[in-house]
């Protein structure tokens, strides 16, 4: 399972109503640090398939979602659990730090 593309149209169904924790990556194609963690996000999606969802939100296309989350710099990572923000982190991070955002929810 790879990362899901999250948009304003599917945010409620894929994130807020998800029965699994959701790791969101706010990113943009021109962002160097975003490109660095992109493969990590896909790897996490594969490794934790069935236990978490991983979604990517392109801030250039979904500026309203970024604004609602107060995203001022990217990458910005958010973990949702039961429709609520459970954790967040700004900036690129190694895989173990990203996993630390959601491991307590599994």
PDB file of N, CA and C in Angstrom:
ATOM      1  N   UNK A   1       0.843  -1.173   0.000  1.00  0.00           N
ATOM      2  CA  UNK A   1       0.000   0.000   0.000  1.00  0.00           C
ATOM      3  C   UNK A   1       0.890   1.237   0.000  1.00  0.00           C
ATOM      4  N   UNK A   2       0.648   2.133  -0.904  1.00  0.00           N
ATOM      5  CA  UNK A   2       1.434   3.356  -0.923  1.00  0.00           C
ATOM      6  C   UNK A   2       0.630   4.484  -0.300  1.00  0.00           C
ATOM      7  N   UNK A   3       1.227   5.655  -0.285  1.00  0.00           N
ATOM      8  CA  UNK A   3       0.566   6.819   0.301  1.00  0.00           C
ATOM      9  C   UNK A   3      -0.677   7.190  -0.486  1.00  0.00           C
ATOM     10  N   UNK A   4      -1.677   7.698   0.221  1.00  0.00           N
ATOM     11  CA  UNK A   4      -2.900   8.194  -0.398  1.00  0.00           C
ATOM     12  C   UNK A   4      -2.735   9.673  -0.706  1.00  0.00           C
ATOM     13  N   UNK A   5      -3.349  10.122  -1.773  1.00  0.00           N
ATOM     14  CA  UNK A   5      -3.410  11.551  -2.048  1.00  0.00           C
ATOM     15  C   UNK A   5      -4.642  12.093  -1.340  1.00  0.00           C
ATOM     16  N   UNK A   6      -4.414  13.007  -0.414  1.00  0.00           N
ATOM     17  CA  UNK A   6      -5.513  13.584   0.356  1.00  0.00           C
ATOM     18  C   UNK A   6      -5.834  14.962  -0.214  1.00  0.00           C
ATOM     19  N   UNK A   7      -7.116  15.188  -0.446  1.00  0.00           N
ATOM     20  CA  UNK A   7      -7.587  16.464  -0.968  1.00  0.00           C
ATOM     21  C   UNK A   7      -8.704  16.976  -0.058  1.00  0.00           C
ATOM     22  N   UNK A   8      -9.148  18.166  -0.328  1.00  0.00           N
ATOM     23  CA  UNK A   8     -10.274  18.716   0.418  1.00  0.00           C
ATOM     24  C   UNK A   8     -11.513  17.826   0.247  1.00  0.00           C
ATOM     25  N   UNK A   9     -11.648  17.206  -0.937  1.00  0.00           N
ATOM     26  CA  UNK A   9     -12.806  16.369  -1.227  1.00  0.00           C
ATOM     27  C   UNK A   9     -12.834  15.066  -0.424  1.00  0.00           C
ATOM     28  N   UNK A  10     -11.664  14.480  -0.136  1.00  0.00           N
ATOM     29  CA  UNK A  10     -11.663  13.195   0.568  1.00  0.00           C
ATOM     30  C   UNK A  10     -11.110  13.285   1.997  1.00  0.00           C
ATOM     31  N   UNK A  11     -10.796  14.484   2.479  1.00  0.00           N
ATOM     32  CA  UNK A  11     -10.215  14.647   3.809  1.00  0.00           C
ATOM     33  C   UNK A  11     -11.110  14.059   4.899  1.00  0.00           C
ATOM     34  N   UNK A  12     -12.384  14.373   4.845  1.00  0.00           N
ATOM     35  CA  UNK A  12     -13.286  13.879   5.894  1.00  0.00           C
ATOM     36  C   UNK A  12     -13.362  12.361   5.892  1.00  0.00           C
ATOM     37  N   UNK A  13     -13.555  11.747   4.713  1.00  0.00           N
ATOM     38  CA  UNK A  13     -13.716  10.290   4.660  1.00  0.00           C
ATOM     39  C   UNK A  13     -12.410   9.544   4.932  1.00  0.00           C
ATOM     40  N   UNK A  14     -11.288  10.034   4.408  1.00  0.00           N
ATOM     41  CA  UNK A  14     -10.015   9.316   4.550  1.00  0.00           C
ATOM     42  C   UNK A  14      -9.291   9.609   5.866  1.00  0.00           C
ATOM     43  N   UNK A  15      -9.526  10.786   6.443  1.00  0.00           N
ATOM     44  CA  UNK A  15      -8.792  11.183   7.643  1.00  0.00           C
ATOM     45  C   UNK A  15      -9.706  11.246   8.866  1.00  0.00           C
ATOM     46  N   UNK A  16     -10.692  12.112   8.826  1.00  0.00           N
ATOM     47  CA  UNK A  16     -11.525  12.328  10.008  1.00  0.00           C
ATOM     48  C   UNK A  16     -12.357  11.106  10.378  1.00  0.00           C
ATOM     49  N   UNK A  17     -12.813  10.341   9.387  1.00  0.00           N
ATOM     50  CA  UNK A  17     -13.642   9.169   9.662  1.00  0.00           C
ATOM     51  C   UNK A  17     -12.853   7.861   9.657  1.00  0.00           C
ATOM     52  N   UNK A  18     -11.545   7.930   9.542  1.00  0.00           N
ATOM     53  CA  UNK A  18     -10.717   6.727   9.473  1.00  0.00           C
ATOM     54  C   UNK A  18     -10.759   5.966  10.796  1.00  0.00           C
ATOM     55  N   UNK A  19     -10.841   4.651  10.705  1.00  0.00           N
ATOM     56  CA  UNK A  19     -10.776   3.801  11.894  1.00  0.00           C
ATOM     57  C   UNK A  19      -9.318   3.527  12.283  1.00  0.00           C
ATOM     58  N   UNK A  20      -8.391   3.851  11.389  1.00  0.00           N
ATOM     59  CA  UNK A  20      -6.960   3.697  11.658  1.00  0.00           C
ATOM     60  C   UNK A  20      -6.341   5.065  11.910  1.00  0.00           C
ATOM     61  N   UNK A  21      -5.226   5.128  12.667  1.00  0.00           N
ATOM     62  CA  UNK A  21      -4.497   6.388  12.737  1.00  0.00           C
ATOM     63  C   UNK A  21      -4.035   6.797  11.331  1.00  0.00           C
ATOM     64  N   UNK A  22      -3.937   8.097  11.095  1.00  0.00           N
ATOM     65  CA  UNK A  22      -3.547   8.611   9.784  1.00  0.00           C
ATOM     66  C   UNK A  22      -2.343   9.531   9.948  1.00  0.00           C
ATOM     67  N   UNK A  23      -1.267   9.225   9.220  1.00  0.00           N
ATOM     68  CA  UNK A  23      -0.074  10.064   9.173  1.00  0.00           C
ATOM     69  C   UNK A  23      -0.162  10.911   7.918  1.00  0.00           C
ATOM     70  N   UNK A  24      -0.207  12.234   8.083  1.00  0.00           N
ATOM     71  CA  UNK A  24      -0.319  13.150   6.953  1.00  0.00           C
ATOM     72  C   UNK A  24       0.992  13.878   6.728  1.00  0.00           C
ATOM     73  N   UNK A  25       1.365  13.997   5.468  1.00  0.00           N
ATOM     74  CA  UNK A  25       2.565  14.716   5.057  1.00  0.00           C
ATOM     75  C   UNK A  25       2.135  15.887   4.179  1.00  0.00           C
ATOM     76  N   UNK A  26       2.265  17.099   4.700  1.00  0.00           N
ATOM     77  CA  UNK A  26       2.031  18.306   3.898  1.00  0.00           C
ATOM     78  C   UNK A  26       3.334  18.592   3.161  1.00  0.00           C
ATOM     79  N   UNK A  27       3.278  18.644   1.827  1.00  0.00           N
ATOM     80  CA  UNK A  27       4.481  18.717   1.011  1.00  0.00           C
ATOM     81  C   UNK A  27       4.214  19.539  -0.251  1.00  0.00           C
ATOM     82  N   UNK A  28       5.271  19.745  -1.032  1.00  0.00           N
ATOM     83  CA  UNK A  28       5.162  20.362  -2.351  1.00  0.00           C
ATOM     84  C   UNK A  28       6.280  19.801  -3.223  1.00  0.00           C
ATOM     85  N   UNK A  29       6.044  19.726  -4.544  1.00  0.00           N
ATOM     86  CA  UNK A  29       7.043  19.138  -5.433  1.00  0.00           C
ATOM     87  C   UNK A  29       8.364  19.912  -5.493  1.00  0.00           C
ATOM     88  N   UNK A  30       8.349  21.187  -5.185  1.00  0.00           N
ATOM     89  CA  UNK A  30       9.551  22.023  -5.250  1.00  0.00           C
ATOM     90  C   UNK A  30      10.351  22.014  -3.945  1.00  0.00           C
ATOM     91  N   UNK A  31       9.872  21.333  -2.926  1.00  0.00           N
ATOM     92  CA  UNK A  31      10.466  21.342  -1.584  1.00  0.00           C
ATOM     93  C   UNK A  31      11.521  20.239  -1.452  1.00  0.00           C
ATOM     94  N   UNK A  32      12.772  20.632  -1.274  1.00  0.00           N
ATOM     95  CA  UNK A  32      13.865  19.668  -1.143  1.00  0.00           C
ATOM     96  C   UNK A  32      13.703  18.710   0.031  1.00  0.00           C
ATOM     97  N   UNK A  33      13.472  19.223   1.250  1.00  0.00           N
ATOM     98  CA  UNK A  33      13.286  18.311   2.384  1.00  0.00           C
ATOM     99  C   UNK A  33      12.077  17.381   2.201  1.00  0.00           C
ATOM    100  N   UNK A  34      11.036  17.867   1.495  1.00  0.00           N
ATOM    101  CA  UNK A  34       9.867  17.017   1.220  1.00  0.00           C
ATOM    102  C   UNK A  34      10.275  15.835   0.343  1.00  0.00           C
ATOM    103  N   UNK A  35      11.133  16.108  -0.637  1.00  0.00           N
ATOM    104  CA  UNK A  35      11.610  15.038  -1.519  1.00  0.00           C
ATOM    105  C   UNK A  35      12.440  14.027  -0.738  1.00  0.00           C
ATOM    106  N   UNK A  36      13.147  14.513   0.289  1.00  0.00           N
ATOM    107  CA  UNK A  36      13.964  13.610   1.104  1.00  0.00           C
ATOM    108  C   UNK A  36      13.100  12.629   1.887  1.00  0.00           C
ATOM    109  N   UNK A  37      12.000  13.091   2.462  1.00  0.00           N
ATOM    110  CA  UNK A  37      11.199  12.178   3.293  1.00  0.00           C
ATOM    111  C   UNK A  37      10.118  11.450   2.503  1.00  0.00           C
ATOM    112  N   UNK A  38       9.879  11.841   1.261  1.00  0.00           N
ATOM    113  CA  UNK A  38       8.865  11.167   0.441  1.00  0.00           C
ATOM    114  C   UNK A  38       9.022   9.658   0.400  1.00  0.00           C
ATOM    115  N   UNK A  39      10.230   9.150   0.090  1.00  0.00           N
ATOM    116  CA  UNK A  39      10.413   7.693   0.082  1.00  0.00           C
ATOM    117  C   UNK A  39      10.198   7.060   1.462  1.00  0.00           C
ATOM    118  N   UNK A  40      10.546   7.786   2.527  1.00  0.00           N
ATOM    119  CA  UNK A  40      10.303   7.262   3.880  1.00  0.00           C
ATOM    120  C   UNK A  40       8.812   7.099   4.145  1.00  0.00           C
ATOM    121  N   UNK A  41       8.044   8.077   3.678  1.00  0.00           N
ATOM    122  CA  UNK A  41       6.596   8.011   3.885  1.00  0.00           C
ATOM    123  C   UNK A  41       6.009   6.797   3.161  1.00  0.00           C
ATOM    124  N   UNK A  42       6.472   6.547   1.936  1.00  0.00           N
ATOM    125  CA  UNK A  42       5.996   5.373   1.193  1.00  0.00           C
ATOM    126  C   UNK A  42       6.418   4.079   1.886  1.00  0.00           C
ATOM    127  N   UNK A  43       7.635   4.059   2.421  1.00  0.00           N
ATOM    128  CA  UNK A  43       8.126   2.871   3.130  1.00  0.00           C
ATOM    129  C   UNK A  43       7.293   2.618   4.383  1.00  0.00           C
ATOM    130  N   UNK A  44       6.984   3.686   5.120  1.00  0.00           N
ATOM    131  CA  UNK A  44       6.147   3.561   6.316  1.00  0.00           C
ATOM    132  C   UNK A  44       4.755   3.060   5.931  1.00  0.00           C
ATOM    133  N   UNK A  45       4.218   3.585   4.826  1.00  0.00           N
ATOM    134  CA  UNK A  45       2.900   3.132   4.354  1.00  0.00           C
ATOM    135  C   UNK A  45       2.910   1.635   4.083  1.00  0.00           C
ATOM    136  N   UNK A  46       3.980   1.144   3.476  1.00  0.00           N
ATOM    137  CA  UNK A  46       4.081  -0.288   3.185  1.00  0.00           C
ATOM    138  C   UNK A  46       4.272  -1.116   4.459  1.00  0.00           C
ATOM    139  N   UNK A  47       5.183  -0.683   5.319  1.00  0.00           N
ATOM    140  CA  UNK A  47       5.507  -1.448   6.521  1.00  0.00           C
ATOM    141  C   UNK A  47       4.344  -1.513   7.512  1.00  0.00           C
ATOM    142  N   UNK A  48       3.552  -0.457   7.575  1.00  0.00           N
ATOM    143  CA  UNK A  48       2.464  -0.400   8.557  1.00  0.00           C
ATOM    144  C   UNK A  48       1.091  -0.557   7.903  1.00  0.00           C
ATOM    145  N   UNK A  49       1.064  -1.102   6.705  1.00  0.00           N
ATOM    146  CA  UNK A  49      -0.194  -1.308   5.987  1.00  0.00           C
ATOM    147  C   UNK A  49      -1.173  -2.102   6.850  1.00  0.00           C
ATOM    148  N   UNK A  50      -2.401  -1.601   6.929  1.00  0.00           N
ATOM    149  CA  UNK A  50      -3.417  -2.247   7.737  1.00  0.00           C
ATOM    150  C   UNK A  50      -3.440  -1.769   9.179  1.00  0.00           C
ATOM    151  N   UNK A  51      -2.394  -1.028   9.589  1.00  0.00           N
ATOM    152  CA  UNK A  51      -2.339  -0.508  10.958  1.00  0.00           C
ATOM    153  C   UNK A  51      -2.423   1.014  10.994  1.00  0.00           C
ATOM    154  N   UNK A  52      -1.922   1.675   9.946  1.00  0.00           N
ATOM    155  CA  UNK A  52      -2.070   3.125   9.798  1.00  0.00           C
ATOM    156  C   UNK A  52      -2.309   3.435   8.320  1.00  0.00           C
ATOM    157  N   UNK A  53      -2.820   4.631   8.075  1.00  0.00           N
ATOM    158  CA  UNK A  53      -2.908   5.165   6.720  1.00  0.00           C
ATOM    159  C   UNK A  53      -1.870   6.270   6.620  1.00  0.00           C
ATOM    160  N   UNK A  54      -1.271   6.387   5.445  1.00  0.00           N
ATOM    161  CA  UNK A  54      -0.345   7.482   5.188  1.00  0.00           C
ATOM    162  C   UNK A  54      -0.905   8.295   4.036  1.00  0.00           C
ATOM    163  N   UNK A  55      -1.064   9.585   4.262  1.00  0.00           N
ATOM    164  CA  UNK A  55      -1.604  10.467   3.238  1.00  0.00           C
ATOM    165  C   UNK A  55      -0.680  11.621   2.965  1.00  0.00           C
ATOM    166  N   UNK A  56      -0.695  12.071   1.702  1.00  0.00           N
ATOM    167  CA  UNK A  56       0.120  13.212   1.295  1.00  0.00           C
ATOM    168  C   UNK A  56      -0.800  14.322   0.815  1.00  0.00           C
ATOM    169  N   UNK A  57      -0.530  15.537   1.295  1.00  0.00           N
ATOM    170  CA  UNK A  57      -1.319  16.702   0.914  1.00  0.00           C
ATOM    171  C   UNK A  57      -0.390  17.698   0.240  1.00  0.00           C
ATOM    172  N   UNK A  58      -0.602  17.910  -1.052  1.00  0.00           N
ATOM    173  CA  UNK A  58       0.184  18.875  -1.815  1.00  0.00           C
ATOM    174  C   UNK A  58      -0.327  20.274  -1.473  1.00  0.00           C
ATOM    175  N   UNK A  59       0.515  21.073  -0.800  1.00  0.00           N
ATOM    176  CA  UNK A  59       0.061  22.389  -0.338  1.00  0.00           C
ATOM    177  C   UNK A  59      -0.208  23.354  -1.487  1.00  0.00           C
ATOM    178  N   UNK A  60       0.407  23.118  -2.640  1.00  0.00           N
ATOM    179  CA  UNK A  60       0.137  23.972  -3.799  1.00  0.00           C
ATOM    180  C   UNK A  60      -1.283  23.758  -4.315  1.00  0.00           C
ATOM    181  N   UNK A  61      -1.770  22.534  -4.224  1.00  0.00           N
ATOM    182  CA  UNK A  61      -3.110  22.202  -4.708  1.00  0.00           C
ATOM    183  C   UNK A  61      -4.177  22.309  -3.623  1.00  0.00           C
ATOM    184  N   UNK A  62      -3.783  22.146  -2.372  1.00  0.00           N
ATOM    185  CA  UNK A  62      -4.734  22.096  -1.257  1.00  0.00           C
ATOM    186  C   UNK A  62      -4.371  23.130  -0.196  1.00  0.00           C
ATOM    187  N   UNK A  63      -4.243  24.379  -0.632  1.00  0.00           N
ATOM    188  CA  UNK A  63      -3.848  25.449   0.269  1.00  0.00           C
ATOM    189  C   UNK A  63      -4.809  25.649   1.429  1.00  0.00           C
ATOM    190  N   UNK A  64      -6.096  25.389   1.196  1.00  0.00           N
ATOM    191  CA  UNK A  64      -7.072  25.555   2.280  1.00  0.00           C
ATOM    192  C   UNK A  64      -6.840  24.549   3.402  1.00  0.00           C
ATOM    193  N   UNK A  65      -6.472  23.305   3.061  1.00  0.00           N
ATOM    194  CA  UNK A  65      -6.168  22.314   4.097  1.00  0.00           C
ATOM    195  C   UNK A  65      -4.918  22.720   4.871  1.00  0.00           C
ATOM    196  N   UNK A  66      -3.917  23.209   4.156  1.00  0.00           N
ATOM    197  CA  UNK A  66      -2.693  23.662   4.823  1.00  0.00           C
ATOM    198  C   UNK A  66      -3.004  24.818   5.760  1.00  0.00           C
ATOM    199  N   UNK A  67      -3.825  25.743   5.310  1.00  0.00           N
ATOM    200  CA  UNK A  67      -4.179  26.899   6.124  1.00  0.00           C
ATOM    201  C   UNK A  67      -4.959  26.473   7.370  1.00  0.00           C
ATOM    202  N   UNK A  68      -5.905  25.548   7.208  1.00  0.00           N
ATOM    203  CA  UNK A  68      -6.690  25.048   8.348  1.00  0.00           C
ATOM    204  C   UNK A  68      -5.808  24.395   9.408  1.00  0.00           C
ATOM    205  N   UNK A  69      -4.683  23.816   8.968  1.00  0.00           N
ATOM    206  CA  UNK A  69      -3.770  23.152   9.894  1.00  0.00           C
ATOM    207  C   UNK A  69      -2.661  24.085  10.379  1.00  0.00           C
ATOM    208  N   UNK A  70      -2.673  25.335   9.929  1.00  0.00           N
ATOM    209  CA  UNK A  70      -1.653  26.288  10.357  1.00  0.00           C
ATOM    210  C   UNK A  70      -0.267  25.969   9.836  1.00  0.00           C
ATOM    211  N   UNK A  71      -0.194  25.312   8.669  1.00  0.00           N
ATOM    212  CA  UNK A  71       1.090  24.929   8.107  1.00  0.00           C
ATOM    213  C   UNK A  71       1.782  26.181   7.542  1.00  0.00           C
ATOM    214  N   UNK A  72       2.917  26.528   8.147  1.00  0.00           N
ATOM    215  CA  UNK A  72       3.680  27.689   7.703  1.00  0.00           C
ATOM    216  C   UNK A  72       4.959  27.276   6.981  1.00  0.00           C
ATOM    217  N   UNK A  73       5.429  26.060   7.242  1.00  0.00           N
ATOM    218  CA  UNK A  73       6.606  25.539   6.554  1.00  0.00           C
ATOM    219  C   UNK A  73       6.398  24.050   6.307  1.00  0.00           C
ATOM    220  N   UNK A  74       7.046  23.560   5.270  1.00  0.00           N
ATOM    221  CA  UNK A  74       6.911  22.153   4.907  1.00  0.00           C
ATOM    222  C   UNK A  74       8.288  21.514   4.837  1.00  0.00           C
ATOM    223  N   UNK A  75       8.369  20.206   5.001  1.00  0.00           N
ATOM    224  CA  UNK A  75       7.273  19.303   5.293  1.00  0.00           C
ATOM    225  C   UNK A  75       6.716  19.507   6.702  1.00  0.00           C
ATOM    226  N   UNK A  76       5.439  19.248   6.825  1.00  0.00           N
ATOM    227  CA  UNK A  76       4.757  19.268   8.116  1.00  0.00           C
ATOM    228  C   UNK A  76       4.011  17.949   8.244  1.00  0.00           C
ATOM    229  N   UNK A  77       4.242  17.265   9.334  1.00  0.00           N
ATOM    230  CA  UNK A  77       3.628  15.958   9.555  1.00  0.00           C
ATOM    231  C   UNK A  77       2.594  16.059  10.670  1.00  0.00           C
ATOM    232  N   UNK A  78       1.434  15.477  10.427  1.00  0.00           N
ATOM    233  CA  UNK A  78       0.355  15.433  11.407  1.00  0.00           C
ATOM    234  C   UNK A  78      -0.106  13.991  11.542  1.00  0.00           C
ATOM    235  N   UNK A  79      -0.418  13.579  12.755  1.00  0.00           N
ATOM    236  CA  UNK A  79      -1.015  12.272  12.987  1.00  0.00           C
ATOM    237  C   UNK A  79      -2.420  12.513  13.533  1.00  0.00           C
ATOM    238  N   UNK A  80      -3.387  11.925  12.854  1.00  0.00           N
ATOM    239  CA  UNK A  80      -4.775  11.968  13.302  1.00  0.00           C
ATOM    240  C   UNK A  80      -5.136  10.622  13.893  1.00  0.00           C
ATOM    241  N   UNK A  81      -5.884  10.647  14.992  1.00  0.00           N
ATOM    242  CA  UNK A  81      -6.421   9.438  15.585  1.00  0.00           C
ATOM    243  C   UNK A  81      -7.837   9.755  16.063  1.00  0.00           C
ATOM    244  N   UNK A  82      -8.787   8.964  15.628  1.00  0.00           N
ATOM    245  CA  UNK A  82     -10.198   9.183  15.975  1.00  0.00           C
ATOM    246  C   UNK A  82     -10.663  10.593  15.622  1.00  0.00           C
ATOM    247  N   UNK A  83     -10.217  11.098  14.477  1.00  0.00           N
ATOM    248  CA  UNK A  83     -10.671  12.393  13.986  1.00  0.00           C
ATOM    249  C   UNK A  83     -10.016  13.597  14.633  1.00  0.00           C
ATOM    250  N   UNK A  84      -9.028  13.373  15.493  1.00  0.00           N
ATOM    251  CA  UNK A  84      -8.351  14.463  16.206  1.00  0.00           C
ATOM    252  C   UNK A  84      -6.852  14.416  15.930  1.00  0.00           C
ATOM    253  N   UNK A  85      -6.213  15.591  15.937  1.00  0.00           N
ATOM    254  CA  UNK A  85      -4.756  15.637  15.802  1.00  0.00           C
ATOM    255  C   UNK A  85      -4.142  15.080  17.080  1.00  0.00           C
ATOM    256  N   UNK A  86      -3.341  14.026  16.939  1.00  0.00           N
ATOM    257  CA  UNK A  86      -2.709  13.378  18.085  1.00  0.00           C
ATOM    258  C   UNK A  86      -1.239  13.764  18.220  1.00  0.00           C
ATOM    259  N   UNK A  87      -0.615  14.164  17.110  1.00  0.00           N
ATOM    260  CA  UNK A  87       0.807  14.543  17.131  1.00  0.00           C
ATOM    261  C   UNK A  87       1.103  15.337  15.869  1.00  0.00           C
ATOM    262  N   UNK A  88       2.164  16.137  15.945  1.00  0.00           N
ATOM    263  CA  UNK A  88       2.601  16.857  14.747  1.00  0.00           C
ATOM    264  C   UNK A  88       4.074  17.196  14.872  1.00  0.00           C
ATOM    265  N   UNK A  89       4.704  17.380  13.722  1.00  0.00           N
ATOM    266  CA  UNK A  89       6.128  17.707  13.665  1.00  0.00           C
ATOM    267  C   UNK A  89       6.381  18.498  12.399  1.00  0.00           C
ATOM    268  N   UNK A  90       7.184  19.548  12.517  1.00  0.00           N
ATOM    269  CA  UNK A  90       7.582  20.324  11.349  1.00  0.00           C
ATOM    270  C   UNK A  90       8.999  19.956  10.950  1.00  0.00           C
ATOM    271  N   UNK A  91       9.237  19.902   9.651  1.00  0.00           N
ATOM    272  CA  UNK A  91      10.564  19.624   9.131  1.00  0.00           C
ATOM    273  C   UNK A  91      10.794  18.163   8.831  1.00  0.00           C
ATOM    274  N   UNK A  92      11.844  17.924   8.063  1.00  0.00           N
ATOM    275  CA  UNK A  92      12.230  16.560   7.717  1.00  0.00           C
ATOM    276  C   UNK A  92      12.776  15.866   8.958  1.00  0.00           C
ATOM    277  N   UNK A  93      12.584  14.568   9.012  1.00  0.00           N
ATOM    278  CA  UNK A  93      13.045  13.785  10.160  1.00  0.00           C
ATOM    279  C   UNK A  93      13.409  12.389   9.686  1.00  0.00           C
ATOM    280  N   UNK A  94      14.296  11.711  10.431  1.00  0.00           N
ATOM    281  CA  UNK A  94      14.590  10.316  10.090  1.00  0.00           C
ATOM    282  C   UNK A  94      13.388   9.421  10.382  1.00  0.00           C
ATOM    283  N   UNK A  95      13.411   8.252   9.796  1.00  0.00           N
ATOM    284  CA  UNK A  95      12.283   7.323   9.883  1.00  0.00           C
ATOM    285  C   UNK A  95      11.875   7.039  11.329  1.00  0.00           C
ATOM    286  N   UNK A  96      12.831   6.802  12.209  1.00  0.00           N
ATOM    287  CA  UNK A  96      12.476   6.458  13.596  1.00  0.00           C
ATOM    288  C   UNK A  96      11.751   7.606  14.300  1.00  0.00           C
ATOM    289  N   UNK A  97      12.082   8.852  13.962  1.00  0.00           N
ATOM    290  CA  UNK A  97      11.362   9.988  14.564  1.00  0.00           C
ATOM    291  C   UNK A  97       9.938  10.079  14.030  1.00  0.00           C
ATOM    292  N   UNK A  98       9.778   9.805  12.741  1.00  0.00           N
ATOM    293  CA  UNK A  98       8.427   9.829  12.154  1.00  0.00           C
ATOM    294  C   UNK A  98       7.587   8.719  12.781  1.00  0.00           C
ATOM    295  N   UNK A  99       8.171   7.529  12.916  1.00  0.00           N
ATOM    296  CA  UNK A  99       7.451   6.413  13.540  1.00  0.00           C
ATOM    297  C   UNK A  99       7.073   6.738  14.986  1.00  0.00           C
ATOM    298  N   UNK A 100       7.915   7.505  15.672  1.00  0.00           N
ATOM    299  CA  UNK A 100       7.641   7.875  17.049  1.00  0.00           C
ATOM    300  C   UNK A 100       6.385   8.720  17.206  1.00  0.00           C
ATOM    301  N   UNK A 101       5.959   9.360  16.111  1.00  0.00           N
ATOM    302  CA  UNK A 101       4.742  10.168  16.157  1.00  0.00           C
ATOM    303  C   UNK A 101       3.473   9.323  16.314  1.00  0.00           C
ATOM    304  N   UNK A 102       3.522   8.075  15.834  1.00  0.00           N
ATOM    305  CA  UNK A 102       2.301   7.258  15.837  1.00  0.00           C
ATOM    306  C   UNK A 102       2.430   5.911  16.525  1.00  0.00           C
ATOM    307  N   UNK A 103       3.617   5.470  16.888  1.00  0.00           N
ATOM    308  CA  UNK A 103       3.779   4.115  17.436  1.00  0.00           C
ATOM    309  C   UNK A 103       2.926   3.870  18.673  1.00  0.00           C
ATOM    310  N   UNK A 104       2.733   4.888  19.506  1.00  0.00           N
ATOM    311  CA  UNK A 104       1.936   4.700  20.720  1.00  0.00           C
ATOM    312  C   UNK A 104       0.445   4.497  20.405  1.00  0.00           C
ATOM    313  N   UNK A 105       0.036   4.728  19.157  1.00  0.00           N
ATOM    314  CA  UNK A 105      -1.372   4.576  18.781  1.00  0.00           C
ATOM    315  C   UNK A 105      -1.675   3.194  18.190  1.00  0.00           C
ATOM    316  N   UNK A 106      -0.645   2.398  17.961  1.00  0.00           N
ATOM    317  CA  UNK A 106      -0.844   1.083  17.327  1.00  0.00           C
ATOM    318  C   UNK A 106      -1.224   0.029  18.337  1.00  0.00           C
TER     319      UNK A 106
END
